[in-house]
């Protein structure tokens, strides 16, 4: 009986820890940083980042 109680306690601890870890994993939805998206072409941003003058 003691082993069953220990296994149940270990299972509960593992489930709680898994839920906490999933919440802290960093893969939640975030706002898109459009300056890092491939194919996003902003003429003003491109003009400000160049070193040559027109």
N, C-alpha and C. Protein backbone atom coordinates (compact mmCIF):
# COMPACT_ATOMS: atom_id res chain seq x y z
N UNK A 1 0.83 -1.20 0.00
CA UNK A 1 0.00 0.00 0.00
C UNK A 1 0.87 1.26 0.00
N UNK A 2 1.97 1.20 0.71
CA UNK A 2 2.86 2.36 0.77
C UNK A 2 3.44 2.68 -0.61
N UNK A 3 3.76 1.64 -1.36
CA UNK A 3 4.32 1.85 -2.71
C UNK A 3 3.28 2.49 -3.62
N UNK A 4 2.01 2.08 -3.49
CA UNK A 4 0.93 2.66 -4.31
C UNK A 4 0.76 4.14 -3.99
N UNK A 5 0.80 4.49 -2.73
CA UNK A 5 0.67 5.90 -2.32
C UNK A 5 1.85 6.71 -2.84
N UNK A 6 3.06 6.16 -2.76
CA UNK A 6 4.23 6.86 -3.28
C UNK A 6 4.15 7.04 -4.79
N UNK A 7 3.68 6.03 -5.50
CA UNK A 7 3.53 6.14 -6.95
C UNK A 7 2.48 7.18 -7.34
N UNK A 8 1.38 7.22 -6.61
CA UNK A 8 0.35 8.23 -6.87
C UNK A 8 0.90 9.63 -6.59
N UNK A 9 1.63 9.79 -5.49
CA UNK A 9 2.23 11.09 -5.17
C UNK A 9 3.23 11.50 -6.23
N UNK A 10 4.03 10.56 -6.71
CA UNK A 10 4.99 10.85 -7.75
C UNK A 10 4.30 11.23 -9.06
N UNK A 11 3.19 10.56 -9.37
CA UNK A 11 2.43 10.87 -10.57
C UNK A 11 1.83 12.27 -10.49
N UNK A 12 1.26 12.62 -9.35
CA UNK A 12 0.68 13.96 -9.18
C UNK A 12 1.77 15.01 -9.28
N UNK A 13 2.92 14.78 -8.64
CA UNK A 13 4.03 15.73 -8.70
C UNK A 13 4.50 15.90 -10.14
N UNK A 14 4.59 14.81 -10.89
CA UNK A 14 5.01 14.89 -12.29
C UNK A 14 4.02 15.65 -13.15
N UNK A 15 2.74 15.44 -12.94
CA UNK A 15 1.72 16.17 -13.71
C UNK A 15 1.75 17.67 -13.41
N UNK A 16 1.86 18.00 -12.14
CA UNK A 16 1.93 19.42 -11.77
C UNK A 16 3.18 20.06 -12.36
N UNK A 17 4.31 19.38 -12.25
CA UNK A 17 5.56 19.93 -12.78
C UNK A 17 5.50 20.08 -14.30
N UNK A 18 4.84 19.13 -14.99
CA UNK A 18 4.70 19.22 -16.44
C UNK A 18 3.85 20.43 -16.83
N UNK A 19 2.79 20.68 -16.10
CA UNK A 19 1.94 21.85 -16.39
C UNK A 19 2.70 23.15 -16.16
N UNK A 20 3.47 23.21 -15.08
CA UNK A 20 4.28 24.41 -14.81
C UNK A 20 5.31 24.61 -15.91
N UNK A 21 5.95 23.53 -16.34
CA UNK A 21 6.98 23.62 -17.38
C UNK A 21 6.38 24.04 -18.72
N UNK A 22 5.21 23.55 -19.05
CA UNK A 22 4.55 23.95 -20.30
C UNK A 22 4.22 25.44 -20.28
N UNK A 23 3.81 25.95 -19.13
CA UNK A 23 3.48 27.37 -19.03
C UNK A 23 4.72 28.25 -19.17
N UNK A 24 5.88 27.74 -18.80
CA UNK A 24 7.11 28.53 -18.84
C UNK A 24 7.97 28.27 -20.07
N UNK A 25 7.48 27.53 -21.04
CA UNK A 25 8.34 27.08 -22.13
C UNK A 25 8.72 28.18 -23.12
N UNK A 26 8.01 29.30 -23.16
CA UNK A 26 8.38 30.38 -24.05
C UNK A 26 7.81 30.26 -25.45
N UNK A 27 6.94 29.34 -25.69
CA UNK A 27 6.38 29.16 -27.02
C UNK A 27 4.95 29.68 -27.12
N UNK A 28 4.61 30.62 -26.28
CA UNK A 28 3.27 31.20 -26.37
C UNK A 28 3.19 32.17 -27.52
N UNK A 29 1.97 32.51 -27.89
CA UNK A 29 1.75 33.42 -29.00
C UNK A 29 2.30 34.81 -28.67
N UNK A 30 2.99 35.40 -29.62
CA UNK A 30 3.57 36.74 -29.44
C UNK A 30 3.27 37.58 -30.66
N UNK A 31 3.37 38.88 -30.49
CA UNK A 31 3.17 39.79 -31.62
C UNK A 31 4.32 39.62 -32.61
N UNK A 32 4.02 39.75 -33.88
CA UNK A 32 5.03 39.57 -34.93
C UNK A 32 5.92 40.81 -35.02
N UNK A 33 7.23 40.59 -35.07
CA UNK A 33 8.18 41.67 -35.29
C UNK A 33 8.38 41.78 -36.80
N UNK A 34 7.67 42.71 -37.42
CA UNK A 34 7.65 42.80 -38.87
C UNK A 34 9.00 43.17 -39.46
N UNK A 35 9.91 43.72 -38.66
CA UNK A 35 11.24 44.06 -39.19
C UNK A 35 12.08 42.81 -39.43
N UNK A 36 11.68 41.66 -38.88
CA UNK A 36 12.45 40.43 -39.04
C UNK A 36 11.81 39.44 -40.00
N UNK A 37 10.67 39.79 -40.58
CA UNK A 37 9.96 38.87 -41.47
C UNK A 37 10.58 38.95 -42.86
N UNK A 38 10.90 37.80 -43.43
CA UNK A 38 11.49 37.76 -44.77
C UNK A 38 10.46 38.22 -45.79
N UNK A 39 10.88 39.03 -46.72
CA UNK A 39 9.99 39.50 -47.77
C UNK A 39 9.24 40.76 -47.41
N UNK A 40 9.33 41.20 -46.19
CA UNK A 40 8.65 42.44 -45.79
C UNK A 40 9.55 43.60 -46.19
N UNK A 41 9.12 44.36 -47.17
CA UNK A 41 9.96 45.42 -47.74
C UNK A 41 9.39 46.78 -47.39
N UNK A 42 10.05 47.47 -46.51
CA UNK A 42 9.63 48.81 -46.12
C UNK A 42 10.64 49.80 -46.70
N UNK A 43 10.20 50.63 -47.63
CA UNK A 43 11.11 51.54 -48.33
C UNK A 43 11.77 52.53 -47.37
N UNK A 44 11.03 53.04 -46.41
CA UNK A 44 11.62 54.00 -45.46
C UNK A 44 12.67 53.33 -44.59
N UNK A 45 12.39 52.14 -44.13
CA UNK A 45 13.37 51.42 -43.32
C UNK A 45 14.62 51.12 -44.13
N UNK A 46 14.45 50.71 -45.36
CA UNK A 46 15.59 50.40 -46.22
C UNK A 46 16.41 51.65 -46.50
N UNK A 47 15.75 52.79 -46.68
CA UNK A 47 16.46 54.04 -46.96
C UNK A 47 17.24 54.50 -45.74
N UNK A 48 16.69 54.28 -44.54
CA UNK A 48 17.38 54.71 -43.33
C UNK A 48 18.58 53.82 -43.01
N UNK A 49 18.57 52.58 -43.46
CA UNK A 49 19.64 51.67 -43.09
C UNK A 49 20.80 51.66 -44.08
N UNK A 50 20.67 52.35 -45.19
CA UNK A 50 21.76 52.36 -46.16
C UNK A 50 22.81 53.40 -45.79
N UNK A 51 24.02 53.22 -46.28
CA UNK A 51 25.10 54.15 -45.98
C UNK A 51 25.36 55.13 -47.11
N UNK A 52 24.74 54.89 -48.23
CA UNK A 52 24.95 55.78 -49.39
C UNK A 52 23.84 56.82 -49.45
N UNK A 53 24.15 57.93 -50.08
CA UNK A 53 23.16 58.99 -50.24
C UNK A 53 22.68 59.00 -51.68
N UNK A 54 21.44 59.37 -51.86
CA UNK A 54 20.88 59.40 -53.21
C UNK A 54 20.99 60.78 -53.79
